[in-house]
Amino acid sequence: MTRRHHDVGGNPDAAGAIVRNGKPDAPWQVAFTATLWALINREKPLMSLDEMRRGVEDMRPEEYDAMPYYDRQTLAVTSAMVERGYLTWGEVEDRIAKLASLR
């Protein structure tokens, strides 16, 4: 079986050293994690953790490598929400534009 790009477990040549800087997560990262668990940990889940995992694993290698951890997770969850019909990409883009205008 061929390994996928993200699967570097047990292969010391596949990835660099793990950097442990002890830096706490940014507030948006904490909020994202809480939102993710609110989406999946309910009587009728709005998505599954497997859907998020699939979204990350299906990224093109160059896309995967260019994104930090939380950016990959955020894109995967957003994609799952769009796939399930809870959001549209237009709504996501409009919200991003609105938030950017507040800076």
Protein backbone atom coordinates (compact mmCIF):
# COMPACT_ATOMS: atom_id res chain seq x y z
CA MET A 1 0.00 0.00 0.00
CA THR A 2 1.33 3.41 -0.94
CA ARG A 3 1.57 5.97 1.81
CA ARG A 4 -0.21 9.24 1.34
CA HIS A 5 1.72 12.48 1.60
CA HIS A 6 0.59 13.32 5.13
CA ASP A 7 1.44 9.84 6.49
CA VAL A 8 4.95 10.26 7.87
CA GLY A 9 4.67 8.03 10.94
CA GLY A 10 7.66 5.74 11.37
CA ASN A 11 9.57 7.34 8.50
CA PRO A 12 12.33 9.59 9.91
CA ASP A 13 13.22 10.85 6.41
CA ALA A 14 9.70 12.02 5.62
CA ALA A 15 9.45 14.95 8.02
CA GLY A 16 11.60 17.35 9.95
CA ALA A 17 11.95 17.50 13.68
CA ILE A 18 8.88 18.24 15.76
CA VAL A 19 9.21 21.77 17.07
CA ARG A 20 7.89 22.10 20.60
CA ASN A 21 8.05 25.76 21.45
CA GLY A 22 5.64 25.65 24.38
CA LYS A 23 3.67 28.51 22.84
CA PRO A 24 -0.01 28.34 23.79
CA ASP A 25 -2.64 28.19 21.07
CA ALA A 26 -3.97 31.52 19.83
CA PRO A 27 -7.51 32.43 20.94
CA TRP A 28 -8.91 31.67 17.46
CA GLN A 29 -7.33 28.21 17.60
CA VAL A 30 -8.95 27.48 20.96
CA ALA A 31 -12.29 28.73 19.58
CA PHE A 32 -11.88 26.54 16.49
CA THR A 33 -11.25 23.44 18.62
CA ALA A 34 -14.30 24.19 20.77
CA THR A 35 -16.41 24.71 17.64
CA LEU A 36 -15.19 21.45 16.12
CA TRP A 37 -16.16 19.49 19.23
CA ALA A 38 -19.54 21.25 19.33
CA LEU A 39 -20.16 20.13 15.74
CA ILE A 40 -19.26 16.48 16.31
CA ASN A 41 -20.12 15.83 19.96
CA ARG A 42 -23.87 16.15 19.98
CA GLU A 43 -26.86 13.83 19.77
CA LYS A 44 -27.17 14.52 16.02
CA PRO A 45 -23.65 15.44 14.90
CA LEU A 46 -23.41 18.06 12.17
CA MET A 47 -20.26 16.34 10.89
CA SER A 48 -17.85 13.60 11.90
CA LEU A 49 -14.22 13.75 12.89
CA ASP A 50 -13.58 11.33 10.02
CA GLU A 51 -14.88 13.95 7.57
CA MET A 52 -12.37 16.47 8.87
CA ARG A 53 -9.60 13.90 8.73
CA ARG A 54 -10.53 13.00 5.15
CA GLY A 55 -10.48 16.66 4.18
CA VAL A 56 -6.95 17.04 5.49
CA GLU A 57 -5.74 13.76 4.00
CA ASP A 58 -7.20 14.59 0.57
CA MET A 59 -5.26 17.85 0.24
CA ARG A 60 -2.72 18.05 -2.55
CA PRO A 61 0.83 17.68 -1.15
CA GLU A 62 1.79 21.27 -2.04
CA GLU A 63 -1.39 22.59 -0.38
CA TYR A 64 -0.84 20.43 2.71
CA ASP A 65 2.80 21.53 3.07
CA ALA A 66 1.97 25.22 2.63
CA MET A 67 -0.56 25.34 5.48
CA PRO A 68 -0.02 25.32 9.22
CA TYR A 69 -1.87 22.70 11.25
CA TYR A 70 -4.90 24.77 12.24
CA ASP A 71 -5.31 26.19 8.74
CA ARG A 72 -5.55 22.65 7.33
CA GLN A 73 -8.09 21.70 9.98
CA THR A 74 -10.14 24.85 9.40
CA LEU A 75 -10.26 24.31 5.64
CA ALA A 76 -11.27 20.67 6.12
CA VAL A 77 -14.11 21.52 8.54
CA THR A 78 -15.33 24.35 6.32
CA SER A 79 -15.30 22.01 3.31
CA ALA A 80 -17.32 19.42 5.25
CA MET A 81 -19.87 22.08 6.25
CA VAL A 82 -20.20 23.14 2.60
CA GLU A 83 -20.50 19.51 1.44
CA ARG A 84 -23.31 18.94 3.93
CA GLY A 85 -25.11 22.09 2.80
CA TYR A 86 -24.82 24.08 6.02
CA LEU A 87 -22.78 26.81 4.30
CA THR A 88 -21.88 27.90 0.80
CA TRP A 89 -18.43 28.98 -0.33
CA GLY A 90 -19.99 32.36 -1.14
CA GLU A 91 -21.09 32.77 2.48
CA VAL A 92 -17.64 31.79 3.70
CA GLU A 93 -15.96 34.27 1.34
CA ASP A 94 -18.39 37.05 2.35
CA ARG A 95 -17.64 36.44 6.04
CA ILE A 96 -13.89 36.46 5.42
CA ALA A 97 -14.21 39.75 3.53
CA LYS A 98 -16.28 41.26 6.35
CA LEU A 99 -13.76 40.20 8.98
CA ALA A 100 -10.88 41.51 6.87
CA SER A 101 -12.60 44.89 6.58
CA LEU A 102 -12.68 45.16 10.38
CA ARG A 103 -8.92 45.09 10.65
